[in-house]
């Protein structure tokens, strides 16, 4: 049932004291019960001729003519995190100016009569709202108070206002939150923000300020003090992205402060600071670095891959973080890499026998996950910003420039085929490496990196799994290899699916390696993580023939003649390849095992 604006503006349970003959104007402005309006205080409407008077229980009185519409309407400031309240946001207009004022129950200025204790409390509450709407710094506090009082820009502030700000800044009636990190924007908030501040506590501190009390008692009675800028309370914080983690968070060790991390890891604060290296201090010597780095060349002319393995002490800490902090967190069902009970085989089995296969590959998966994503994961577990900063520093790294200079880069070839993209120069490749490995990132080779990468890609998995399910398809991800299998669909719909996946990957902050992306129909061979999945998971014929030829040559000429890649334990290497074949095709693996048993390892 629609309600009139007068009924909506009146407090619940209080009768409207409006004369019956003067109610016609209110029924012409009707809004639904769910219409958007905010009431700063409790008002009671009483009609008097052509004027509308709003009575306030604290003694304030608001009057305006109903026939004349004011060119400006009250501007309501919505407090945002880190916002100092200097730029008010105008609320959306209703059918008319009077309807807007009635729906918000706010005139364009509210007068409060001095020499009244109740009016002083109401005045203090409005000032407290302004004080809590931004950083707790003297300049920002004065700016918001001046905005609330409607003082002109550039004018002098009253003496009581300056003394009030000085008193509250020196002794805040609540605990301030930690200093936020400075932003590049010039207008970013750089002061501490109110932590768990109570509006009533701040209002009481404002009302008890001696300078304000003296100015209130000495003010002339015929000149009311007016509030012209209103600040709404900040919106409630959004729930964390992983809100379903509450049952698992209870099992985690309590880490309220940075000292708790040192006690949990059995380290003293100096050792924790040295291992975390939150200040990104470069190691004076490579032997003092916390990671051992080596390069692996990539095919197809790409940048070399950097493997950063932590040393023994840091590896032990990362394993403890993995087992006690990260292991209880549930992962998406589509993640198969680095998950207990899942493997590359389970990733391929999910798509076996499907007629259409879409393959995608994420470029530079681990280094593209920055420290900000890891910080957000620990924040979702309920840790404080200081604790999140230290935990993030323990599982991420920043590659030194000396390591980047040792990368085995490939010089651009002068005899590139016609139509092919020319390879970048060595200087461009060095710049790309600095951009990729220079900031803090997940190191590939750390025990905790795979699980953290799965958590960082959880939203990507949810969106792609939903997109595949909409077409009765399946989606899985094995580290950086994405696979979507679909039923027979028109080619135009498959191409739209490809474009959708590209857009989702881009929106989630990842980059696709287009050279490894493809669309494969039922008439083509489907290979996923080195497994043929057209009918059922099977070892590709070419891989089987190659391994069989190696074993046959080992029987004829000895194993030392076939160890062309220089494996330290060539026998264990061949046994591992046979075991992989046995998991896919036991019949073929039995033939290979008979050849392996004929090898003379003394030759």
Protein backbone atom coordinates (compact mmCIF):
# COMPACT_ATOMS: atom_id res chain seq x y z
CA UNK A 1 0.00 0.00 0.00
CA UNK A 2 1.39 3.42 -0.88
CA UNK A 3 1.89 5.85 1.97
CA UNK A 4 1.82 9.62 1.88
CA UNK A 5 5.03 11.53 2.45
CA UNK A 6 3.68 13.05 5.62
CA UNK A 7 3.00 9.57 6.99
CA UNK A 8 6.44 8.37 5.90
CA UNK A 9 8.20 11.33 7.51
CA UNK A 10 6.31 11.02 10.80
CA UNK A 11 7.76 8.67 13.45
CA UNK A 12 6.16 5.29 13.84
CA UNK A 13 3.46 5.17 16.51
CA UNK A 14 2.85 8.96 16.62
CA UNK A 15 -0.41 10.37 15.26
CA UNK A 16 -0.35 13.09 12.64
CA UNK A 17 -1.62 16.33 14.16
CA UNK A 18 -2.60 17.75 10.78
CA UNK A 19 -6.00 19.48 10.44
CA UNK A 20 -8.46 17.54 8.31
CA UNK A 21 -9.12 20.47 5.98
CA UNK A 22 -5.40 20.94 5.23
CA UNK A 23 -4.52 17.34 4.28
CA UNK A 24 -5.17 17.68 0.57
CA UNK A 25 -1.63 18.79 -0.28
CA UNK A 26 -0.04 15.73 1.31
CA UNK A 27 -2.08 13.24 -0.70
CA UNK A 28 -0.82 14.64 -4.01
CA UNK A 29 2.76 13.50 -3.21
CA UNK A 30 2.66 9.75 -2.64
CA UNK A 31 5.58 7.38 -2.45
CA UNK A 32 5.75 3.65 -1.88
CA UNK A 33 6.62 2.25 1.49
CA UNK A 34 9.97 1.16 0.09
CA UNK A 35 10.89 4.54 -1.40
CA UNK A 36 14.37 5.84 -0.59
CA UNK A 37 14.41 8.43 2.14
CA UNK A 38 16.55 9.10 5.18
CA UNK A 39 15.49 10.80 8.41
CA UNK A 40 18.27 12.44 10.37
CA UNK A 41 16.07 13.11 13.42
CA UNK A 42 12.49 12.42 14.48
CA UNK A 43 10.10 15.08 13.21
CA UNK A 44 6.37 15.63 13.70
CA UNK A 45 4.42 17.44 11.00
CA UNK A 46 1.85 20.13 11.86
CA UNK A 47 0.15 22.23 9.18
CA UNK A 48 -0.39 25.94 9.81
CA UNK A 49 -1.94 27.84 6.93
CA UNK A 50 0.53 28.23 4.10
CA UNK A 51 3.52 27.38 6.28
CA UNK A 52 4.82 24.00 7.33
CA UNK A 53 6.44 23.82 10.77
CA UNK A 54 8.45 20.85 11.88
CA UNK A 55 8.65 20.41 15.64
CA UNK A 56 11.73 18.71 17.07
CA UNK A 57 11.83 17.01 20.47
CA UNK A 58 15.20 18.67 21.24
CA UNK A 59 13.80 22.17 20.93
CA UNK A 60 14.78 23.06 17.36
CA UNK A 61 12.17 24.58 15.05
CA UNK A 62 12.11 24.44 11.25
CA UNK A 63 9.83 26.61 9.13
CA UNK A 64 9.54 27.27 5.42
CA UNK A 65 6.84 28.43 3.07
CA UNK A 66 5.10 25.66 1.20
CA UNK A 67 4.22 27.90 -1.75
CA UNK A 68 7.81 28.91 -2.54
CA UNK A 69 10.28 26.26 -3.66
CA UNK A 70 13.86 26.86 -2.67
CA UNK A 71 16.31 26.69 -5.61
CA UNK A 72 18.67 24.57 -3.53
CA UNK A 73 17.77 21.55 -1.50
CA UNK A 74 19.67 19.96 1.38
CA UNK A 75 22.82 18.23 0.29
CA UNK A 76 23.60 15.07 2.20
CA UNK A 77 27.20 13.91 2.55
CA UNK A 78 27.63 10.16 2.54
CA UNK A 79 30.76 9.18 4.44
CA UNK A 80 32.93 6.79 2.48
CA UNK A 81 36.05 5.04 3.78
CA UNK A 82 38.93 7.47 3.45
CA UNK A 83 36.65 10.34 2.39
CA UNK A 84 37.06 13.63 4.23
CA UNK A 85 33.55 14.86 3.51
CA UNK A 86 34.60 17.91 1.51
CA UNK A 87 32.65 16.88 -1.62
CA UNK A 88 29.00 16.30 -0.72
CA UNK A 89 26.86 14.05 -2.85
CA UNK A 90 23.43 15.40 -3.69
CA UNK A 91 20.58 12.98 -3.10
CA UNK A 92 18.21 12.15 -5.99
CA UNK A 93 15.24 14.49 -6.38
CA UNK A 94 11.61 13.55 -5.90
CA UNK A 95 8.52 14.92 -7.71
CA UNK A 96 8.92 18.41 -6.24
CA UNK A 97 11.15 20.32 -3.88
CA UNK A 98 8.67 20.17 -1.03
CA UNK A 99 8.23 16.42 -1.53
CA UNK A 100 12.00 16.02 -1.32
CA UNK A 101 12.22 17.96 1.91
CA UNK A 102 9.37 16.01 3.43
CA UNK A 103 10.77 12.63 2.39
CA UNK A 104 14.17 13.46 3.86
CA UNK A 105 12.72 15.35 6.82
CA UNK A 106 15.55 17.87 6.39
CA UNK A 107 15.28 21.60 5.68
CA UNK A 108 18.12 23.43 4.00
CA UNK A 109 19.25 24.70 7.38
CA UNK A 110 18.34 23.57 10.88
CA UNK A 111 18.31 26.15 13.64
CA UNK A 112 19.14 25.27 17.24
CA UNK A 113 18.34 27.77 19.96
CA UNK A 114 21.23 28.50 22.39
CA UNK A 115 20.87 28.32 26.19
CA UNK A 116 19.16 24.92 25.85
CA UNK A 117 20.90 21.76 27.06
CA UNK A 118 18.84 19.43 24.85
CA UNK A 119 19.57 21.57 21.80
CA UNK A 120 23.28 21.48 22.68
CA UNK A 121 23.19 17.68 22.70
CA UNK A 122 21.51 17.65 19.28
CA UNK A 123 24.10 20.14 17.99
CA UNK A 124 26.91 17.95 19.35
CA UNK A 125 25.49 14.87 17.62
CA UNK A 126 25.51 16.61 14.23
CA UNK A 127 29.11 17.73 14.78
CA UNK A 128 30.06 14.20 15.86
CA UNK A 129 28.68 12.80 12.60
CA UNK A 130 30.83 15.26 10.69
CA UNK A 131 33.91 14.38 12.73
CA UNK A 132 33.49 10.64 12.16
CA UNK A 133 33.03 10.99 8.40
CA UNK A 134 36.73 11.08 7.49
CA UNK A 135 40.36 11.07 8.66
CA UNK A 136 41.17 12.18 12.19
CA UNK A 137 43.54 14.99 11.27
CA UNK A 138 43.10 18.63 12.37
CA UNK A 139 42.80 20.03 8.85
CA UNK A 140 40.26 17.44 7.72
CA UNK A 141 38.27 17.73 10.96
CA UNK A 142 38.07 21.52 10.66
CA UNK A 143 37.03 21.25 7.01
CA UNK A 144 34.15 18.91 7.82
CA UNK A 145 32.98 21.01 10.75
CA UNK A 146 33.02 24.13 8.59
CA UNK A 147 31.00 22.26 5.98
CA UNK A 148 28.47 21.24 8.62
CA UNK A 149 28.13 24.83 9.85
CA UNK A 150 27.92 26.25 6.34
CA UNK A 151 30.91 28.57 6.76
CA UNK A 152 32.31 30.19 3.64
CA UNK A 153 35.51 28.81 2.17
CA UNK A 154 38.60 30.73 3.09
CA UNK A 155 36.96 32.45 6.08
CA UNK A 156 38.19 32.34 9.64
CA UNK A 157 36.95 29.56 11.91
CA UNK A 158 35.40 30.39 15.30
CA UNK A 159 37.67 30.13 18.31
CA UNK A 160 35.57 27.38 19.87
CA UNK A 161 35.86 25.28 16.70
CA UNK A 162 39.66 25.46 16.68
CA UNK A 163 39.85 24.61 20.38
CA UNK A 164 37.38 21.74 19.93
CA UNK A 165 39.45 20.22 17.13
CA UNK A 166 42.68 20.60 19.12
CA UNK A 167 41.16 18.93 22.16
CA UNK A 168 39.63 15.99 20.27
CA UNK A 169 42.73 15.44 18.16
CA UNK A 170 44.98 15.36 21.23
CA UNK A 171 42.69 13.01 23.19
CA UNK A 172 40.32 11.14 20.86
CA UNK A 173 37.44 9.39 22.68
CA UNK A 174 38.18 6.13 20.83
CA UNK A 175 41.05 4.13 19.37
CA UNK A 176 42.40 5.20 16.00
CA UNK A 177 42.98 2.61 13.32
CA UNK A 178 46.39 2.04 11.78
CA UNK A 179 47.95 4.58 9.46
CA UNK A 180 46.75 3.76 5.93
CA UNK A 181 49.29 3.39 3.16
CA UNK A 182 49.83 6.54 1.14
CA UNK A 183 48.27 6.64 -2.29
CA UNK A 184 49.62 8.30 -5.39
CA UNK A 185 46.57 10.54 -5.71
CA UNK A 186 47.13 13.98 -4.28
CA UNK A 187 43.71 14.10 -2.61
CA UNK A 188 44.00 10.70 -0.91
CA UNK A 189 43.40 10.55 2.84
CA UNK A 190 46.71 10.40 4.67
CA UNK A 191 45.56 10.51 8.28
CA UNK A 192 44.36 7.82 10.66
CA UNK A 193 40.73 6.82 10.46
CA UNK A 194 38.37 6.33 13.41
CA UNK A 195 38.46 2.71 14.45
CA UNK A 196 35.54 1.37 16.46
CA UNK A 197 34.20 4.86 17.15
CA UNK A 198 30.91 5.37 18.97
CA UNK A 199 28.76 8.29 17.85
CA UNK A 200 27.50 8.84 21.38
CA UNK A 201 31.02 8.90 22.82
CA UNK A 202 32.16 11.53 20.32
CA UNK A 203 28.96 13.56 20.83
CA UNK A 204 29.49 13.55 24.61
CA UNK A 205 33.09 14.69 24.15
CA UNK A 206 31.94 17.50 21.87
CA UNK A 207 29.20 18.61 24.28
CA UNK A 208 31.65 18.63 27.21
CA UNK A 209 34.17 20.87 25.45
CA UNK A 210 34.58 24.00 27.64
CA UNK A 211 35.09 26.29 24.65
CA UNK A 212 31.85 25.13 23.01
CA UNK A 213 29.89 25.38 26.27
CA UNK A 214 31.11 28.93 26.85
CA UNK A 215 30.29 30.01 23.29
CA UNK A 216 26.87 28.33 23.55
CA UNK A 217 25.98 30.12 26.79
CA UNK A 218 27.25 33.54 25.58
CA UNK A 219 25.46 33.41 22.22
CA UNK A 220 22.43 35.72 21.80
CA UNK A 221 19.13 33.90 22.26
CA UNK A 222 17.54 35.40 19.12
CA UNK A 223 20.30 34.04 16.79
CA UNK A 224 19.95 30.25 16.41
CA UNK A 225 22.95 28.13 15.53
CA UNK A 226 22.35 26.46 12.19
CA UNK A 227 23.43 23.13 10.76
CA UNK A 228 23.65 23.37 6.96
CA UNK A 229 25.71 20.33 5.98
CA UNK A 230 24.56 16.89 7.05
CA UNK A 231 26.71 13.76 7.19
CA UNK A 232 25.09 10.36 7.06
CA UNK A 233 26.70 7.45 8.92
CA UNK A 234 29.08 5.39 6.76
CA UNK A 235 27.55 2.39 5.02
CA UNK A 236 28.09 -0.99 6.69
CA UNK A 237 31.17 -2.77 5.38
CA UNK A 238 30.60 -5.43 2.78
CA UNK A 239 31.13 -9.01 3.89
CA UNK A 240 34.44 -10.53 2.86
CA UNK A 241 34.66 -12.19 -0.52
CA UNK A 242 35.07 -15.59 1.13
CA UNK A 243 32.32 -15.18 3.73
CA UNK A 244 31.81 -18.95 4.03
CA UNK A 245 35.21 -19.35 5.69
CA UNK A 246 33.93 -18.67 9.20
CA UNK A 247 33.77 -22.39 10.21
CA UNK A 248 37.34 -22.84 8.98
CA UNK A 249 38.69 -19.62 10.51
CA UNK A 250 37.98 -20.97 14.00
CA UNK A 251 40.53 -23.72 13.42
CA UNK A 252 43.33 -21.29 12.52
CA UNK A 253 45.94 -20.16 15.07
CA UNK A 254 45.11 -16.80 16.67
CA UNK A 255 47.42 -14.16 15.20
CA UNK A 256 46.26 -10.81 16.52
CA UNK A 257 49.60 -8.98 16.34
CA UNK A 258 52.92 -9.25 14.59
CA UNK A 259 54.45 -10.54 17.81
CA UNK A 260 52.04 -13.49 17.71
CA UNK A 261 53.49 -14.49 14.32
CA UNK A 262 57.00 -14.52 15.75
CA UNK A 263 55.87 -16.61 18.73
CA UNK A 264 53.92 -19.00 16.47
CA UNK A 265 56.93 -19.50 14.17
CA UNK A 266 59.32 -19.67 17.16
CA UNK A 267 61.33 -16.68 15.96
CA UNK A 268 62.45 -13.50 17.63
CA UNK A 269 61.22 -10.20 16.09
CA UNK A 270 64.58 -9.52 14.45
CA UNK A 271 64.63 -12.87 12.67
CA UNK A 272 61.03 -12.42 11.53
CA UNK A 273 61.82 -8.98 10.12
CA UNK A 274 64.88 -10.35 8.30
CA UNK A 275 62.97 -13.25 6.74
CA UNK A 276 59.90 -11.20 5.80
CA UNK A 277 61.89 -8.21 4.49
CA UNK A 278 58.80 -6.00 4.37
CA UNK A 279 60.99 -3.03 3.40
CA UNK A 280 62.31 -4.89 0.30
CA UNK A 281 65.92 -4.34 1.30
CA UNK A 282 68.26 -5.81 -1.34
CA UNK A 283 70.57 -8.56 -0.13
CA UNK A 284 74.18 -7.29 0.06
CA UNK A 285 75.40 -10.63 -1.35
CA UNK A 286 73.61 -13.35 -3.36
CA UNK A 287 74.44 -15.89 -0.63
CA UNK A 288 72.37 -13.84 1.83
CA UNK A 289 69.27 -13.96 -0.35
CA UNK A 290 66.35 -16.09 0.82
CA UNK A 291 65.75 -17.74 -2.58
CA UNK A 292 67.85 -19.75 -5.02
CA UNK A 293 67.01 -18.69 -8.56
CA UNK A 294 67.61 -20.47 -11.84
CA UNK A 295 66.18 -19.98 -15.30
CA UNK A 296 64.34 -22.38 -17.58
CA UNK A 297 64.09 -21.48 -21.27
CA UNK A 298 60.64 -21.36 -22.79
CA UNK A 299 59.71 -22.59 -26.21
CA UNK A 300 58.19 -20.55 -29.02
CA UNK A 301 60.50 -17.62 -28.34
CA UNK A 302 58.90 -16.59 -25.03
CA UNK A 303 60.56 -15.11 -21.98
CA UNK A 304 62.52 -17.58 -19.85
CA UNK A 305 60.83 -18.90 -16.74
CA UNK A 306 62.35 -18.06 -13.36
CA UNK A 307 62.26 -20.75 -10.67
CA UNK A 308 62.72 -19.25 -7.19
CA UNK A 309 63.14 -21.94 -4.55
CA UNK A 310 63.28 -20.74 -0.92
CA UNK A 311 66.15 -21.81 1.26
CA UNK A 312 65.72 -24.28 4.10
CA UNK A 313 64.65 -21.89 6.86
CA UNK A 314 62.14 -19.92 4.81
CA UNK A 315 60.86 -23.12 3.18
CA UNK A 316 60.08 -24.55 6.62
CA UNK A 317 58.12 -21.39 7.51
CA UNK A 318 56.21 -21.46 4.24
CA UNK A 319 55.30 -25.11 4.76
CA UNK A 320 53.94 -24.29 8.20
CA UNK A 321 51.88 -21.43 6.78
CA UNK A 322 50.62 -23.83 4.12
CA UNK A 323 49.66 -26.60 6.53
CA UNK A 324 48.21 -24.59 9.42
CA UNK A 325 46.84 -21.43 7.77
CA UNK A 326 45.96 -22.29 4.17
CA UNK A 327 45.20 -26.02 4.09
CA UNK A 328 41.84 -25.74 5.96
CA UNK A 329 40.48 -23.32 3.34
CA UNK A 330 38.20 -25.08 0.83
CA UNK A 331 39.07 -24.73 -2.84
CA UNK A 332 36.86 -24.61 -5.89
CA UNK A 333 36.04 -28.00 -7.38
CA UNK A 334 37.46 -26.90 -10.73
CA UNK A 335 41.01 -26.53 -9.33
CA UNK A 336 43.09 -29.70 -9.91
CA UNK A 337 46.68 -28.46 -9.62
CA UNK A 338 48.35 -28.80 -6.23
CA UNK A 339 45.20 -30.24 -4.61
CA UNK A 340 45.28 -33.47 -2.64
CA UNK A 341 43.40 -36.24 -4.43
CA UNK A 342 43.50 -34.45 -7.80
CA UNK A 343 46.10 -34.44 -10.55
CA UNK A 344 46.62 -33.86 -14.22
CA UNK A 345 44.84 -37.17 -14.84
CA UNK A 346 41.69 -36.08 -12.98
CA UNK A 347 41.85 -32.79 -14.89
CA UNK A 348 41.83 -34.71 -18.18
CA UNK A 349 39.24 -37.31 -17.10
CA UNK A 350 36.65 -34.58 -16.53
CA UNK A 351 36.62 -33.84 -20.28
CA UNK A 352 37.03 -37.35 -21.72
CA UNK A 353 34.55 -38.19 -24.45
CA UNK A 354 33.21 -34.65 -24.90
CA UNK A 355 32.86 -33.62 -28.57
CA UNK A 356 34.12 -30.02 -28.22
CA UNK A 357 37.17 -28.85 -26.26
CA UNK A 358 38.26 -25.27 -25.58
CA UNK A 359 41.83 -24.87 -24.30
CA UNK A 360 43.32 -21.73 -22.73
CA UNK A 361 46.65 -21.01 -21.10
CA UNK A 362 47.46 -18.24 -18.61
CA UNK A 363 50.70 -16.43 -19.39
CA UNK A 364 53.20 -16.05 -16.52
CA UNK A 365 50.65 -17.34 -14.01
CA UNK A 366 52.68 -17.24 -10.77
CA UNK A 367 54.55 -13.91 -11.19
CA UNK A 368 51.35 -12.22 -12.40
CA UNK A 369 49.79 -12.78 -8.94
CA UNK A 370 50.91 -9.72 -7.01
CA UNK A 371 51.23 -9.23 -3.28
CA UNK A 372 47.93 -7.30 -3.14
CA UNK A 373 45.97 -10.46 -4.01
CA UNK A 374 47.80 -12.45 -1.33
CA UNK A 375 47.18 -9.67 1.21
CA UNK A 376 43.45 -9.85 0.40
CA UNK A 377 43.42 -13.62 0.98
CA UNK A 378 44.87 -13.25 4.47
CA UNK A 379 42.49 -10.36 5.17
CA UNK A 380 39.55 -12.64 4.35
CA UNK A 381 40.74 -14.91 7.15
CA UNK A 382 40.17 -12.08 9.63
CA UNK A 383 43.77 -10.99 10.23
CA UNK A 384 44.68 -7.38 10.92
CA UNK A 385 46.45 -5.33 8.22
CA UNK A 386 49.79 -5.55 10.04
CA UNK A 387 49.57 -9.34 10.32
CA UNK A 388 48.49 -9.62 6.67
CA UNK A 389 51.46 -7.51 5.61
CA UNK A 390 53.97 -9.79 7.36
CA UNK A 391 52.34 -13.03 6.18
CA UNK A 392 52.26 -11.70 2.63
CA UNK A 393 55.95 -10.79 2.80
CA UNK A 394 56.81 -14.30 3.99
CA UNK A 395 55.22 -16.02 0.96
CA UNK A 396 56.09 -13.48 -1.77
CA UNK A 397 59.36 -12.14 -3.09
CA UNK A 398 60.83 -9.37 -5.19
CA UNK A 399 63.48 -10.51 -7.64
CA UNK A 400 66.77 -8.62 -7.49
CA UNK A 401 68.02 -6.84 -10.60
CA UNK A 402 71.21 -8.87 -10.51
CA UNK A 403 69.20 -12.06 -10.99
CA UNK A 404 67.23 -10.54 -13.86
CA UNK A 405 70.44 -9.59 -15.66
CA UNK A 406 71.47 -13.26 -15.78
CA UNK A 407 68.38 -14.31 -17.77
CA UNK A 408 69.19 -16.34 -20.92
CA UNK A 409 67.50 -14.11 -23.46
CA UNK A 410 67.17 -14.98 -27.13
CA UNK A 411 68.40 -12.40 -29.63
CA UNK A 412 65.93 -11.51 -32.39
CA UNK A 413 66.50 -13.55 -35.53
CA UNK A 414 67.18 -11.74 -38.78
CA UNK A 415 65.74 -14.59 -40.85
CA UNK A 416 62.21 -14.57 -39.45
CA UNK A 417 59.58 -16.14 -41.73
CA UNK A 418 57.41 -13.81 -43.75
CA UNK A 419 54.32 -12.70 -41.85
CA UNK A 420 55.61 -13.75 -38.42
CA UNK A 421 55.79 -11.27 -35.57
CA UNK A 422 59.39 -10.10 -35.07
CA UNK A 423 60.98 -11.06 -31.76
CA UNK A 424 61.56 -8.16 -29.35
CA UNK A 425 65.02 -6.81 -28.83
CA UNK A 426 67.15 -7.71 -25.82
CA UNK A 427 66.44 -4.35 -24.18
CA UNK A 428 62.69 -4.88 -24.53
CA UNK A 429 62.97 -8.38 -23.08
CA UNK A 430 64.92 -7.06 -20.09
CA UNK A 431 62.24 -4.41 -19.52
CA UNK A 432 59.54 -7.08 -19.67
CA UNK A 433 61.37 -9.17 -17.09
CA UNK A 434 61.73 -6.18 -14.75
CA UNK A 435 58.03 -5.41 -15.10
CA UNK A 436 57.09 -9.02 -14.43
CA UNK A 437 59.46 -9.97 -11.60
CA UNK A 438 60.28 -6.53 -10.16
CA UNK A 439 57.18 -6.10 -7.93
CA UNK A 440 56.38 -8.54 -5.14
CA UNK A 441 54.88 -11.71 -6.60
CA UNK A 442 54.32 -15.38 -5.92
CA UNK A 443 57.59 -17.28 -6.46
CA UNK A 444 57.33 -20.36 -8.64
CA UNK A 445 59.06 -23.03 -6.58
CA UNK A 446 57.68 -22.14 -3.15
CA UNK A 447 55.68 -24.83 -1.29
CA UNK A 448 52.80 -22.40 -0.60
CA UNK A 449 52.60 -20.77 -4.02
CA UNK A 450 50.33 -23.33 -5.71
CA UNK A 451 47.63 -23.20 -3.04
CA UNK A 452 47.81 -19.41 -2.85
CA UNK A 453 47.50 -19.24 -6.63
CA UNK A 454 44.40 -21.44 -6.46
CA UNK A 455 42.88 -19.11 -3.88
CA UNK A 456 43.76 -16.07 -5.96
CA UNK A 457 42.05 -17.65 -8.98
CA UNK A 458 38.95 -18.75 -7.05
CA UNK A 459 36.77 -16.02 -8.54
CA UNK A 460 38.05 -16.87 -12.02
CA UNK A 461 37.08 -20.51 -11.45
CA UNK A 462 33.61 -19.59 -10.22
CA UNK A 463 32.85 -17.39 -13.21
CA UNK A 464 34.19 -19.80 -15.83
CA UNK A 465 32.46 -22.79 -14.20
CA UNK A 466 29.16 -20.91 -14.28
CA UNK A 467 29.69 -19.95 -17.92
CA UNK A 468 30.38 -23.58 -18.87
CA UNK A 469 27.42 -24.88 -16.86
CA UNK A 470 25.11 -22.49 -18.70
CA UNK A 471 25.87 -24.47 -21.89
CA UNK A 472 25.81 -27.91 -20.18
CA UNK A 473 29.59 -28.00 -20.26
CA UNK A 474 32.44 -28.71 -17.84
CA UNK A 475 35.32 -26.53 -16.68
CA UNK A 476 38.55 -27.44 -14.90
CA UNK A 477 41.90 -25.75 -14.31
CA UNK A 478 45.27 -27.40 -13.78
CA UNK A 479 47.48 -24.57 -12.48
CA UNK A 480 47.58 -22.32 -15.57
CA UNK A 481 45.88 -24.67 -18.08
CA UNK A 482 42.15 -23.96 -18.50
CA UNK A 483 39.84 -26.44 -20.22
CA UNK A 484 36.14 -26.20 -21.10
CA UNK A 485 34.37 -29.13 -22.76
CA UNK A 486 30.98 -28.60 -24.38
CA UNK A 487 28.30 -30.60 -26.18
CA UNK A 488 27.79 -30.13 -29.94
CA UNK A 489 26.93 -26.46 -30.51
CA UNK A 490 26.87 -24.11 -33.50
CA UNK A 491 30.27 -22.63 -34.31
CA UNK A 492 29.00 -19.09 -33.73
CA UNK A 493 28.04 -20.02 -30.17
CA UNK A 494 31.45 -21.60 -29.58
CA UNK A 495 33.18 -18.44 -30.78
CA UNK A 496 31.01 -16.37 -28.44
CA UNK A 497 32.09 -18.67 -25.62
CA UNK A 498 35.73 -18.04 -26.52
CA UNK A 499 35.20 -14.29 -26.42
CA UNK A 500 33.42 -14.59 -23.06
CA UNK A 501 36.32 -16.55 -21.57
CA UNK A 502 38.81 -13.97 -22.83
CA UNK A 503 36.79 -11.17 -21.26
CA UNK A 504 36.46 -12.96 -17.92
CA UNK A 505 40.19 -13.72 -17.80
CA UNK A 506 41.00 -10.09 -18.57
CA UNK A 507 38.58 -8.80 -15.91
CA UNK A 508 40.14 -11.08 -13.30
CA UNK A 509 43.60 -9.64 -13.92
CA UNK A 510 45.22 -12.45 -15.92
CA UNK A 511 46.62 -12.60 -19.45
CA UNK A 512 46.06 -15.39 -21.97
CA UNK A 513 48.84 -17.00 -23.98
CA UNK A 514 47.13 -16.95 -27.36
CA UNK A 515 49.65 -19.38 -28.87
CA UNK A 516 48.34 -22.15 -26.59
CA UNK A 517 44.62 -21.40 -26.93
CA UNK A 518 42.48 -23.38 -29.33
CA UNK A 519 39.09 -24.78 -30.29
CA UNK A 520 38.93 -28.50 -31.09
CA UNK A 521 35.87 -30.28 -32.47
CA UNK A 522 34.96 -33.97 -32.56
CA UNK A 523 36.89 -34.56 -35.79
CA UNK A 524 40.19 -33.47 -34.20
CA UNK A 525 42.47 -35.03 -31.59
CA UNK A 526 41.92 -33.73 -28.06
CA UNK A 527 45.10 -33.43 -25.96
CA UNK A 528 45.05 -32.09 -22.43
CA UNK A 529 48.18 -31.99 -20.21
CA UNK A 530 49.81 -34.52 -22.54
CA UNK A 531 46.86 -36.96 -22.43
CA UNK A 532 44.63 -37.94 -25.34
CA UNK A 533 40.98 -37.70 -24.21
CA UNK A 534 38.90 -38.27 -27.33
CA UNK A 535 37.29 -41.48 -26.04
CA UNK A 536 39.05 -42.07 -22.69
CA UNK A 537 42.32 -40.88 -21.11
CA UNK A 538 45.17 -42.51 -22.98
CA UNK A 539 48.86 -41.94 -23.66
CA UNK A 540 49.38 -40.38 -27.10
CA UNK A 541 50.68 -42.81 -29.70
CA UNK A 542 53.70 -40.64 -30.46
CA UNK A 543 54.77 -40.56 -26.79
CA UNK A 544 54.38 -44.32 -26.48
CA UNK A 545 56.42 -45.01 -29.62
CA UNK A 546 59.17 -42.63 -28.49
CA UNK A 547 59.49 -44.28 -25.07
CA UNK A 548 59.43 -47.75 -26.63
CA UNK A 549 62.23 -46.79 -29.02
CA UNK A 550 64.37 -45.46 -26.15
CA UNK A 551 63.95 -48.70 -24.19
CA UNK A 552 64.76 -50.79 -27.27
CA UNK A 553 67.97 -48.82 -27.90
CA UNK A 554 68.92 -49.21 -24.25
CA UNK A 555 68.63 -52.98 -24.64
CA UNK A 556 70.81 -52.95 -27.78
CA UNK A 557 73.47 -50.34 -26.97
CA UNK A 558 73.22 -49.76 -23.22
CA UNK A 559 71.43 -47.00 -21.23
CA UNK A 560 74.37 -44.58 -21.26
CA UNK A 561 73.99 -44.10 -25.01
CA UNK A 562 70.38 -42.89 -24.65
CA UNK A 563 70.77 -40.46 -21.74
CA UNK A 564 71.05 -37.47 -24.06
CA UNK A 565 69.46 -35.01 -21.59
CA UNK A 566 71.95 -35.85 -18.83
CA UNK A 567 69.58 -37.15 -16.14
CA UNK A 568 71.33 -37.88 -12.86
CA UNK A 569 69.33 -41.08 -12.32
CA UNK A 570 68.35 -42.26 -15.79
CA UNK A 571 66.95 -45.51 -14.42
CA UNK A 572 64.51 -43.70 -12.12
CA UNK A 573 63.60 -41.41 -15.00
CA UNK A 574 62.57 -44.34 -17.20
CA UNK A 575 60.68 -45.99 -14.33
CA UNK A 576 58.71 -42.80 -13.80
CA UNK A 577 57.73 -42.58 -17.45
CA UNK A 578 56.58 -46.21 -17.41
CA UNK A 579 54.54 -45.59 -14.23
CA UNK A 580 52.84 -42.62 -15.92
CA UNK A 581 51.95 -44.85 -18.87
CA UNK A 582 50.63 -47.50 -16.47
CA UNK A 583 48.16 -44.99 -14.96
CA UNK A 584 46.74 -44.34 -18.44
CA UNK A 585 47.09 -47.67 -20.29
CA UNK A 586 48.17 -50.69 -18.20
CA UNK A 587 48.36 -52.99 -21.25
CA UNK A 588 50.92 -50.83 -23.03
CA UNK A 589 52.80 -50.26 -19.79
CA UNK A 590 53.24 -54.02 -19.40
CA UNK A 591 55.02 -54.20 -22.77
CA UNK A 592 57.30 -51.33 -21.80
CA UNK A 593 58.06 -52.96 -18.45
CA UNK A 594 59.24 -56.17 -20.19
CA UNK A 595 61.65 -54.10 -22.31
CA UNK A 596 62.90 -52.27 -19.21
CA UNK A 597 63.71 -55.54 -17.44
CA UNK A 598 65.96 -56.61 -20.36
CA UNK A 599 68.27 -53.58 -19.98
CA UNK A 600 71.80 -54.28 -18.79
CA UNK A 601 72.64 -51.42 -16.42
CA UNK A 602 76.30 -52.40 -16.21
CA UNK A 603 76.99 -51.29 -19.80
